[in-house]
Amino acid sequence: MKTTILALMLLVVVQSYTHKMTCEVEEEATWPAGSYCILRAGGSCPPGFSPYDGYIRSIKMFNETPKYLKPANIGDSVIKHHVVGHKDSDLYLRGCCKFS
């Protein structure tokens, strides 16, 4: 399924007696004018943005413990061990940019 990043303004109504939360879309927001980049999530970019990717692989580290590297996926970007058990790491940045 093709997913795009959407900025939405949400109105949240909490029904305390049932502890249920419902969200209603008030309106779809537009991206501000200007030239900038955002992190990509879901594999594709919003209309008006182009994909840009970059990486640093096999970054030499002092130590591989969590004090020095916390693996994470942030949208489609990744911070990870290059090879578990070695003092190397990888950083993959996947973004979407627009230029005016």
N, C-alpha and C. Protein backbone atom coordinates (compact mmCIF):
# COMPACT_ATOMS: atom_id res chain seq x y z
N MET A 1 0.84 -1.16 0.00
CA MET A 1 0.00 0.00 0.00
C MET A 1 0.89 1.23 0.00
N LYS A 2 0.65 2.14 -0.92
CA LYS A 2 1.43 3.36 -1.00
C LYS A 2 0.94 4.33 0.07
N THR A 3 1.87 4.77 0.90
CA THR A 3 1.53 5.66 2.01
C THR A 3 2.24 6.98 1.83
N THR A 4 1.59 8.06 2.10
CA THR A 4 2.24 9.37 2.05
C THR A 4 2.17 10.01 3.42
N ILE A 5 3.06 10.96 3.62
CA ILE A 5 3.06 11.69 4.87
C ILE A 5 2.02 12.79 4.77
N LEU A 6 1.12 12.85 5.68
CA LEU A 6 0.10 13.90 5.68
C LEU A 6 0.16 14.65 7.00
N ALA A 7 0.04 15.93 6.91
CA ALA A 7 -0.07 16.73 8.13
C ALA A 7 -1.55 16.97 8.34
N LEU A 8 -2.07 16.56 9.46
CA LEU A 8 -3.49 16.69 9.74
C LEU A 8 -3.69 17.43 11.04
N MET A 9 -4.70 18.25 11.07
CA MET A 9 -5.10 18.87 12.32
C MET A 9 -6.21 17.98 12.87
N LEU A 10 -6.02 17.48 14.09
CA LEU A 10 -6.96 16.53 14.66
C LEU A 10 -7.71 17.14 15.83
N LEU A 11 -8.98 16.81 15.88
CA LEU A 11 -9.80 17.14 17.04
C LEU A 11 -10.04 15.84 17.78
N VAL A 12 -9.57 15.76 19.02
CA VAL A 12 -9.68 14.52 19.78
C VAL A 12 -10.76 14.68 20.83
N VAL A 13 -11.69 13.73 20.82
CA VAL A 13 -12.76 13.72 21.81
C VAL A 13 -12.60 12.49 22.67
N VAL A 14 -12.47 12.66 23.95
CA VAL A 14 -12.29 11.53 24.86
C VAL A 14 -13.59 11.33 25.63
N GLN A 15 -14.09 10.12 25.56
CA GLN A 15 -15.29 9.76 26.30
C GLN A 15 -14.84 9.07 27.58
N SER A 16 -14.82 9.80 28.69
CA SER A 16 -14.21 9.29 29.93
C SER A 16 -14.93 8.07 30.49
N TYR A 17 -16.23 7.98 30.29
CA TYR A 17 -16.94 6.84 30.89
C TYR A 17 -16.65 5.53 30.19
N THR A 18 -16.17 5.54 28.95
CA THR A 18 -15.84 4.30 28.26
C THR A 18 -14.34 4.17 28.00
N HIS A 19 -13.58 5.24 28.30
CA HIS A 19 -12.14 5.28 28.06
C HIS A 19 -11.79 5.02 26.60
N LYS A 20 -12.66 5.45 25.70
CA LYS A 20 -12.40 5.32 24.27
C LYS A 20 -11.97 6.69 23.73
N MET A 21 -11.15 6.67 22.70
CA MET A 21 -10.73 7.92 22.09
C MET A 21 -11.11 7.88 20.62
N THR A 22 -11.73 8.94 20.14
CA THR A 22 -12.05 9.03 18.73
C THR A 22 -11.38 10.28 18.17
N CYS A 23 -10.99 10.22 16.93
CA CYS A 23 -10.34 11.35 16.26
C CYS A 23 -11.15 11.73 15.03
N GLU A 24 -11.37 13.02 14.88
CA GLU A 24 -12.06 13.51 13.70
C GLU A 24 -11.12 14.46 12.98
N VAL A 25 -11.05 14.36 11.66
CA VAL A 25 -10.20 15.24 10.88
C VAL A 25 -10.95 16.55 10.69
N GLU A 26 -10.34 17.64 11.18
CA GLU A 26 -10.97 18.94 11.05
C GLU A 26 -10.69 19.52 9.67
N GLU A 27 -9.42 19.51 9.25
CA GLU A 27 -9.04 19.94 7.92
C GLU A 27 -7.65 19.42 7.62
N GLU A 28 -7.32 19.30 6.35
CA GLU A 28 -5.99 18.86 5.95
C GLU A 28 -5.08 20.07 5.84
N ALA A 29 -3.96 20.04 6.52
CA ALA A 29 -3.02 21.17 6.51
C ALA A 29 -2.17 21.12 5.24
N THR A 30 -1.60 22.25 4.86
CA THR A 30 -0.70 22.32 3.72
C THR A 30 0.71 22.55 4.24
N TRP A 31 1.69 22.14 3.47
CA TRP A 31 3.08 22.33 3.85
C TRP A 31 3.45 23.80 3.65
N PRO A 32 4.23 24.38 4.56
CA PRO A 32 4.62 25.79 4.43
C PRO A 32 5.49 26.01 3.19
N ALA A 33 5.46 27.25 2.69
CA ALA A 33 6.30 27.61 1.55
C ALA A 33 7.76 27.60 1.98
N GLY A 34 8.66 27.50 1.03
CA GLY A 34 10.08 27.54 1.34
C GLY A 34 10.79 26.30 0.85
N SER A 35 12.09 26.27 1.09
CA SER A 35 12.93 25.13 0.73
C SER A 35 13.36 24.43 2.01
N TYR A 36 13.03 23.16 2.13
CA TYR A 36 13.39 22.39 3.32
C TYR A 36 13.21 20.91 3.06
N CYS A 37 13.70 20.11 4.01
CA CYS A 37 13.59 18.66 3.93
C CYS A 37 12.90 18.13 5.19
N ILE A 38 12.23 17.00 5.04
CA ILE A 38 11.59 16.30 6.15
C ILE A 38 12.02 14.84 6.08
N LEU A 39 11.97 14.14 7.22
CA LEU A 39 12.26 12.71 7.20
C LEU A 39 11.10 11.97 6.53
N ARG A 40 11.44 10.98 5.71
CA ARG A 40 10.43 10.22 4.99
C ARG A 40 9.92 9.06 5.84
N ALA A 41 8.65 8.76 5.71
CA ALA A 41 8.04 7.60 6.37
C ALA A 41 7.01 7.02 5.43
N GLY A 42 6.97 5.71 5.34
CA GLY A 42 5.98 5.06 4.49
C GLY A 42 6.43 4.85 3.06
N GLY A 43 7.68 5.17 2.74
CA GLY A 43 8.23 4.85 1.43
C GLY A 43 8.08 5.91 0.36
N SER A 44 7.18 6.87 0.52
CA SER A 44 7.01 7.87 -0.53
C SER A 44 6.95 9.27 0.07
N CYS A 45 7.04 10.26 -0.78
CA CYS A 45 7.05 11.66 -0.36
C CYS A 45 5.70 12.31 -0.65
N PRO A 46 5.37 13.35 0.13
CA PRO A 46 4.13 14.08 -0.15
C PRO A 46 4.23 14.82 -1.49
N PRO A 47 3.12 15.20 -2.07
CA PRO A 47 3.14 15.96 -3.32
C PRO A 47 4.00 17.23 -3.18
N GLY A 48 4.83 17.48 -4.20
CA GLY A 48 5.70 18.65 -4.20
C GLY A 48 7.08 18.39 -3.62
N PHE A 49 7.31 17.21 -3.04
CA PHE A 49 8.59 16.85 -2.45
C PHE A 49 9.24 15.76 -3.31
N SER A 50 10.58 15.73 -3.31
CA SER A 50 11.34 14.70 -4.02
C SER A 50 12.14 13.88 -3.01
N PRO A 51 12.31 12.57 -3.28
CA PRO A 51 13.07 11.73 -2.34
C PRO A 51 14.57 12.02 -2.41
N TYR A 52 15.21 12.05 -1.25
CA TYR A 52 16.66 12.18 -1.13
C TYR A 52 17.12 11.20 -0.07
N ASP A 53 18.16 10.41 -0.40
CA ASP A 53 18.67 9.40 0.52
C ASP A 53 20.17 9.59 0.70
N GLY A 54 20.66 9.24 1.88
CA GLY A 54 22.09 9.27 2.14
C GLY A 54 22.42 8.28 3.23
N TYR A 55 23.69 7.91 3.32
CA TYR A 55 24.09 6.97 4.36
C TYR A 55 25.56 7.13 4.71
N ILE A 56 25.89 6.67 5.90
CA ILE A 56 27.27 6.47 6.33
C ILE A 56 27.31 5.04 6.82
N ARG A 57 28.17 4.23 6.24
CA ARG A 57 28.25 2.82 6.61
C ARG A 57 29.58 2.54 7.27
N SER A 58 29.58 1.56 8.15
CA SER A 58 30.76 1.08 8.84
C SER A 58 31.48 2.20 9.59
N ILE A 59 30.69 2.98 10.36
CA ILE A 59 31.25 4.04 11.19
C ILE A 59 32.00 3.39 12.35
N LYS A 60 33.28 3.68 12.48
CA LYS A 60 34.08 3.11 13.56
C LYS A 60 33.69 3.77 14.88
N MET A 61 33.46 2.96 15.90
CA MET A 61 33.02 3.46 17.20
C MET A 61 33.99 3.03 18.30
N PHE A 62 34.00 3.80 19.39
CA PHE A 62 34.80 3.47 20.56
C PHE A 62 34.30 2.20 21.21
N ASN A 63 32.97 2.04 21.27
CA ASN A 63 32.36 0.93 21.97
C ASN A 63 31.00 0.64 21.33
N GLU A 64 30.52 -0.56 21.43
CA GLU A 64 29.22 -0.92 20.84
C GLU A 64 28.08 -0.98 21.85
N THR A 65 28.34 -0.55 23.07
CA THR A 65 27.31 -0.63 24.11
C THR A 65 26.22 0.42 23.88
N PRO A 66 25.05 0.25 24.54
CA PRO A 66 23.95 1.20 24.39
C PRO A 66 24.31 2.64 24.77
N LYS A 67 25.37 2.82 25.55
CA LYS A 67 25.81 4.18 25.88
C LYS A 67 26.27 4.92 24.62
N TYR A 68 26.75 4.19 23.62
CA TYR A 68 27.29 4.78 22.41
C TYR A 68 26.41 4.60 21.18
N LEU A 69 25.54 3.60 21.17
CA LEU A 69 24.68 3.36 20.01
C LEU A 69 23.34 2.83 20.47
N LYS A 70 22.29 3.54 20.13
CA LYS A 70 20.94 3.08 20.40
C LYS A 70 20.27 2.85 19.04
N PRO A 71 20.15 1.59 18.61
CA PRO A 71 19.52 1.31 17.32
C PRO A 71 18.09 1.85 17.29
N ALA A 72 17.71 2.40 16.15
CA ALA A 72 16.35 2.96 16.03
C ALA A 72 15.95 3.05 14.57
N ASN A 73 14.66 2.95 14.35
CA ASN A 73 14.04 3.28 13.06
C ASN A 73 13.22 4.53 13.29
N ILE A 74 13.49 5.58 12.51
CA ILE A 74 12.77 6.83 12.61
C ILE A 74 12.17 7.08 11.23
N GLY A 75 10.88 6.75 11.09
CA GLY A 75 10.29 6.75 9.75
C GLY A 75 11.01 5.69 8.94
N ASP A 76 11.52 6.07 7.77
CA ASP A 76 12.27 5.14 6.93
C ASP A 76 13.77 5.22 7.18
N SER A 77 14.22 6.08 8.10
CA SER A 77 15.64 6.22 8.43
C SER A 77 16.02 5.19 9.50
N VAL A 78 17.31 4.79 9.50
CA VAL A 78 17.76 3.71 10.38
C VAL A 78 19.12 4.05 11.01
N ILE A 79 19.24 3.77 12.30
CA ILE A 79 20.52 3.78 13.01
C ILE A 79 20.69 2.36 13.53
N LYS A 80 21.82 1.71 13.18
CA LYS A 80 21.97 0.31 13.58
C LYS A 80 23.43 -0.11 13.66
N HIS A 81 23.67 -1.28 14.27
CA HIS A 81 24.99 -1.91 14.25
C HIS A 81 25.26 -2.37 12.82
N HIS A 82 26.49 -2.14 12.34
CA HIS A 82 26.85 -2.63 11.01
C HIS A 82 26.85 -4.15 11.01
N VAL A 83 27.54 -4.74 11.96
CA VAL A 83 27.54 -6.18 12.21
C VAL A 83 27.53 -6.32 13.73
N VAL A 84 26.54 -7.00 14.25
CA VAL A 84 26.45 -7.17 15.70
C VAL A 84 27.72 -7.84 16.21
N GLY A 85 28.27 -7.30 17.28
CA GLY A 85 29.49 -7.83 17.85
C GLY A 85 30.74 -7.09 17.40
N HIS A 86 30.60 -6.14 16.49
CA HIS A 86 31.72 -5.33 16.03
C HIS A 86 31.47 -3.87 16.41
N LYS A 87 32.51 -3.08 16.45
CA LYS A 87 32.40 -1.68 16.85
C LYS A 87 32.16 -0.79 15.63
N ASP A 88 31.24 -1.17 14.79
CA ASP A 88 30.86 -0.39 13.61
C ASP A 88 29.36 -0.14 13.65
N SER A 89 28.95 0.98 13.06
CA SER A 89 27.52 1.27 12.98
C SER A 89 27.19 1.86 11.62
N ASP A 90 25.91 1.91 11.32
CA ASP A 90 25.41 2.46 10.06
C ASP A 90 24.34 3.50 10.35
N LEU A 91 24.30 4.53 9.52
CA LEU A 91 23.27 5.55 9.59
C LEU A 91 22.71 5.74 8.20
N TYR A 92 21.43 5.49 8.02
CA TYR A 92 20.74 5.67 6.75
C TYR A 92 19.68 6.75 6.94
N LEU A 93 19.78 7.84 6.19
CA LEU A 93 18.79 8.90 6.26
C LEU A 93 17.99 8.90 4.97
N ARG A 94 16.67 8.89 5.11
CA ARG A 94 15.77 8.89 3.97
C ARG A 94 14.80 10.04 4.16
N GLY A 95 14.88 11.01 3.27
CA GLY A 95 14.06 12.20 3.44
C GLY A 95 13.35 12.60 2.16
N CYS A 96 12.61 13.68 2.29
CA CYS A 96 11.88 14.28 1.18
C CYS A 96 12.18 15.77 1.23
N CYS A 97 12.56 16.35 0.09
CA CYS A 97 12.91 17.77 0.04
C CYS A 97 12.10 18.49 -1.01
N LYS A 98 11.85 19.77 -0.74
CA LYS A 98 11.22 20.65 -1.74
C LYS A 98 12.01 21.94 -1.79
N PHE A 99 12.12 22.46 -2.97
CA PHE A 99 12.89 23.69 -3.20
C PHE A 99 12.01 24.67 -3.92
N SER A 100 11.95 25.89 -3.38
CA SER A 100 11.11 26.90 -4.05
C SER A 100 11.94 27.91 -4.79
